[in-house]
């Protein structure tokens, strides 16, 4: 999704935004997506540890990796959410803007 977010303009939202804040929001979306991928990888590594190591060691490693993933992704999510609130756009506004952007680029 970050490729389409990079192509979004304020016209897709039908609003005018502060350029610096809009750029910061785009960067925060990209950072959040990267952190989400890392979170998924850590979760799968924890699941693999649970399956292959088993018992309490695997369970402990699973929870350690799960909390590490949350520690990585939550600050990125908060930054994205704060920028989104400052812009005054909701998730449905973003979906509509993405639809308009895809129609514009085709």
C-alpha atoms as a PDB file:
ATOM      1  CA  UNK A   1       0.000   0.000   0.000  1.00  0.00           C
ATOM      2  CA  UNK A   2       2.905   2.397   0.566  1.00  0.00           C
ATOM      3  CA  UNK A   3       3.397   2.708  -3.201  1.00  0.00           C
ATOM      4  CA  UNK A   4      -0.148   4.008  -3.619  1.00  0.00           C
ATOM      5  CA  UNK A   5       0.218   6.192  -0.510  1.00  0.00           C
ATOM      6  CA  UNK A   6       3.296   7.792  -2.100  1.00  0.00           C
ATOM      7  CA  UNK A   7       1.122   8.739  -5.078  1.00  0.00           C
ATOM      8  CA  UNK A   8      -1.680  10.290  -3.003  1.00  0.00           C
ATOM      9  CA  UNK A   9      -2.206  14.028  -3.260  1.00  0.00           C
ATOM     10  CA  UNK A  10      -4.388  16.367  -1.250  1.00  0.00           C
ATOM     11  CA  UNK A  11      -6.753  16.567  -4.242  1.00  0.00           C
ATOM     12  CA  UNK A  12      -7.503  12.858  -3.781  1.00  0.00           C
ATOM     13  CA  UNK A  13      -8.864  13.743  -0.349  1.00  0.00           C
ATOM     14  CA  UNK A  14     -10.705  16.784  -1.625  1.00  0.00           C
ATOM     15  CA  UNK A  15      -8.967  18.915   1.008  1.00  0.00           C
ATOM     16  CA  UNK A  16      -5.870  21.032   1.300  1.00  0.00           C
ATOM     17  CA  UNK A  17      -3.252  19.932   3.804  1.00  0.00           C
ATOM     18  CA  UNK A  18      -0.090  21.352   5.267  1.00  0.00           C
ATOM     19  CA  UNK A  19       2.577  19.942   2.934  1.00  0.00           C
ATOM     20  CA  UNK A  20       5.010  19.104   5.739  1.00  0.00           C
ATOM     21  CA  UNK A  21       2.370  17.303   7.794  1.00  0.00           C
ATOM     22  CA  UNK A  22       1.085  15.422   4.743  1.00  0.00           C
ATOM     23  CA  UNK A  23       4.637  14.325   3.902  1.00  0.00           C
ATOM     24  CA  UNK A  24       5.205  13.280   7.510  1.00  0.00           C
ATOM     25  CA  UNK A  25       2.006  11.218   7.398  1.00  0.00           C
ATOM     26  CA  UNK A  26       3.181   9.455   4.227  1.00  0.00           C
ATOM     27  CA  UNK A  27       6.526   8.647   5.874  1.00  0.00           C
ATOM     28  CA  UNK A  28       4.772   7.379   8.993  1.00  0.00           C
ATOM     29  CA  UNK A  29       2.580   5.076   6.900  1.00  0.00           C
ATOM     30  CA  UNK A  30       5.672   3.592   5.235  1.00  0.00           C
ATOM     31  CA  UNK A  31       7.414   3.172   8.597  1.00  0.00           C
ATOM     32  CA  UNK A  32       4.314   1.542  10.080  1.00  0.00           C
ATOM     33  CA  UNK A  33       4.127  -0.934   7.199  1.00  0.00           C
ATOM     34  CA  UNK A  34       7.789  -1.899   7.670  1.00  0.00           C
ATOM     35  CA  UNK A  35       7.252  -2.324  11.410  1.00  0.00           C
ATOM     36  CA  UNK A  36       4.194  -4.482  10.714  1.00  0.00           C
ATOM     37  CA  UNK A  37       6.266  -6.798   8.515  1.00  0.00           C
ATOM     38  CA  UNK A  38       8.884  -7.077  11.271  1.00  0.00           C
ATOM     39  CA  UNK A  39       6.118  -7.797  13.773  1.00  0.00           C
ATOM     40  CA  UNK A  40       4.759 -10.618  11.602  1.00  0.00           C
ATOM     41  CA  UNK A  41       8.239 -12.112  11.154  1.00  0.00           C
ATOM     42  CA  UNK A  42       8.839 -12.050  14.913  1.00  0.00           C
ATOM     43  CA  UNK A  43       5.442 -13.613  15.539  1.00  0.00           C
ATOM     44  CA  UNK A  44       6.168 -16.409  13.055  1.00  0.00           C
ATOM     45  CA  UNK A  45       9.615 -16.943  14.579  1.00  0.00           C
ATOM     46  CA  UNK A  46       7.959 -17.251  17.978  1.00  0.00           C
ATOM     47  CA  UNK A  47       5.473 -19.747  16.587  1.00  0.00           C
ATOM     48  CA  UNK A  48       8.318 -21.746  15.041  1.00  0.00           C
ATOM     49  CA  UNK A  49      10.138 -21.719  18.376  1.00  0.00           C
ATOM     50  CA  UNK A  50       6.995 -22.918  20.083  1.00  0.00           C
ATOM     51  CA  UNK A  51       6.642 -25.784  17.620  1.00  0.00           C
ATOM     52  CA  UNK A  52      10.275 -26.866  17.404  1.00  0.00           C
ATOM     53  CA  UNK A  53      11.539 -26.153  20.915  1.00  0.00           C
ATOM     54  CA  UNK A  54       8.255 -26.776  22.670  1.00  0.00           C
ATOM     55  CA  UNK A  55       7.398 -26.567  26.327  1.00  0.00           C
ATOM     56  CA  UNK A  56       8.181 -23.589  28.512  1.00  0.00           C
ATOM     57  CA  UNK A  57      11.268 -22.399  26.642  1.00  0.00           C
ATOM     58  CA  UNK A  58       9.384 -22.135  23.367  1.00  0.00           C
ATOM     59  CA  UNK A  59       6.410 -20.506  25.066  1.00  0.00           C
ATOM     60  CA  UNK A  60       8.660 -17.991  26.805  1.00  0.00           C
ATOM     61  CA  UNK A  61      10.480 -17.202  23.560  1.00  0.00           C
ATOM     62  CA  UNK A  62       7.149 -16.798  21.781  1.00  0.00           C
ATOM     63  CA  UNK A  63       5.958 -14.189  24.282  1.00  0.00           C
ATOM     64  CA  UNK A  64       9.310 -12.387  24.277  1.00  0.00           C
ATOM     65  CA  UNK A  65       9.248 -12.107  20.491  1.00  0.00           C
ATOM     66  CA  UNK A  66       5.570 -11.100  20.492  1.00  0.00           C
ATOM     67  CA  UNK A  67       6.212  -8.282  22.968  1.00  0.00           C
ATOM     68  CA  UNK A  68       9.311  -7.213  21.028  1.00  0.00           C
ATOM     69  CA  UNK A  69       7.190  -6.994  17.893  1.00  0.00           C
ATOM     70  CA  UNK A  70       4.598  -4.908  19.699  1.00  0.00           C
ATOM     71  CA  UNK A  71       7.334  -2.677  21.070  1.00  0.00           C
ATOM     72  CA  UNK A  72       8.553  -2.064  17.540  1.00  0.00           C
ATOM     73  CA  UNK A  73       5.191  -1.534  15.845  1.00  0.00           C
ATOM     74  CA  UNK A  74       3.162   0.413  18.423  1.00  0.00           C
ATOM     75  CA  UNK A  75       5.225   3.643  18.304  1.00  0.00           C
ATOM     76  CA  UNK A  76       5.005   3.615  14.491  1.00  0.00           C
ATOM     77  CA  UNK A  77       1.255   3.061  14.670  1.00  0.00           C
ATOM     78  CA  UNK A  78       0.891   5.924  17.163  1.00  0.00           C
ATOM     79  CA  UNK A  79       2.880   8.275  14.921  1.00  0.00           C
ATOM     80  CA  UNK A  80       0.708   7.387  11.917  1.00  0.00           C
ATOM     81  CA  UNK A  81      -2.469   7.836  13.949  1.00  0.00           C
ATOM     82  CA  UNK A  82      -1.348  11.189  15.375  1.00  0.00           C
ATOM     83  CA  UNK A  83      -0.505  12.514  11.904  1.00  0.00           C
ATOM     84  CA  UNK A  84      -3.819  11.233  10.596  1.00  0.00           C
ATOM     85  CA  UNK A  85      -5.703  12.979  13.407  1.00  0.00           C
ATOM     86  CA  UNK A  86      -3.787  16.208  12.787  1.00  0.00           C
ATOM     87  CA  UNK A  87      -4.747  16.026   9.109  1.00  0.00           C
ATOM     88  CA  UNK A  88      -8.359  15.346  10.041  1.00  0.00           C
ATOM     89  CA  UNK A  89      -8.790  12.260   7.874  1.00  0.00           C
ATOM     90  CA  UNK A  90     -10.360   8.959   8.815  1.00  0.00           C
ATOM     91  CA  UNK A  91      -9.651   5.483   7.493  1.00  0.00           C
ATOM     92  CA  UNK A  92     -12.686   5.699   5.214  1.00  0.00           C
ATOM     93  CA  UNK A  93     -11.340   8.991   3.810  1.00  0.00           C
ATOM     94  CA  UNK A  94      -8.057   7.242   3.070  1.00  0.00           C
ATOM     95  CA  UNK A  95      -9.835   4.357   1.321  1.00  0.00           C
ATOM     96  CA  UNK A  96     -11.780   6.811  -0.840  1.00  0.00           C
ATOM     97  CA  UNK A  97      -8.608   8.755  -1.649  1.00  0.00           C
ATOM     98  CA  UNK A  98      -6.804   5.549  -2.615  1.00  0.00           C
ATOM     99  CA  UNK A  99      -9.701   4.654  -4.911  1.00  0.00           C
ATOM    100  CA  UNK A 100      -9.558   8.097  -6.548  1.00  0.00           C
ATOM    101  CA  UNK A 101      -5.778   7.854  -6.890  1.00  0.00           C
ATOM    102  CA  UNK A 102      -5.959   4.444  -8.531  1.00  0.00           C
ATOM    103  CA  UNK A 103      -8.602   5.715 -10.958  1.00  0.00           C
ATOM    104  CA  UNK A 104      -6.448   8.754 -11.703  1.00  0.00           C
ATOM    105  CA  UNK A 105      -3.287   6.726 -12.366  1.00  0.00           C
ATOM    106  CA  UNK A 106      -4.936   4.175 -14.677  1.00  0.00           C
END
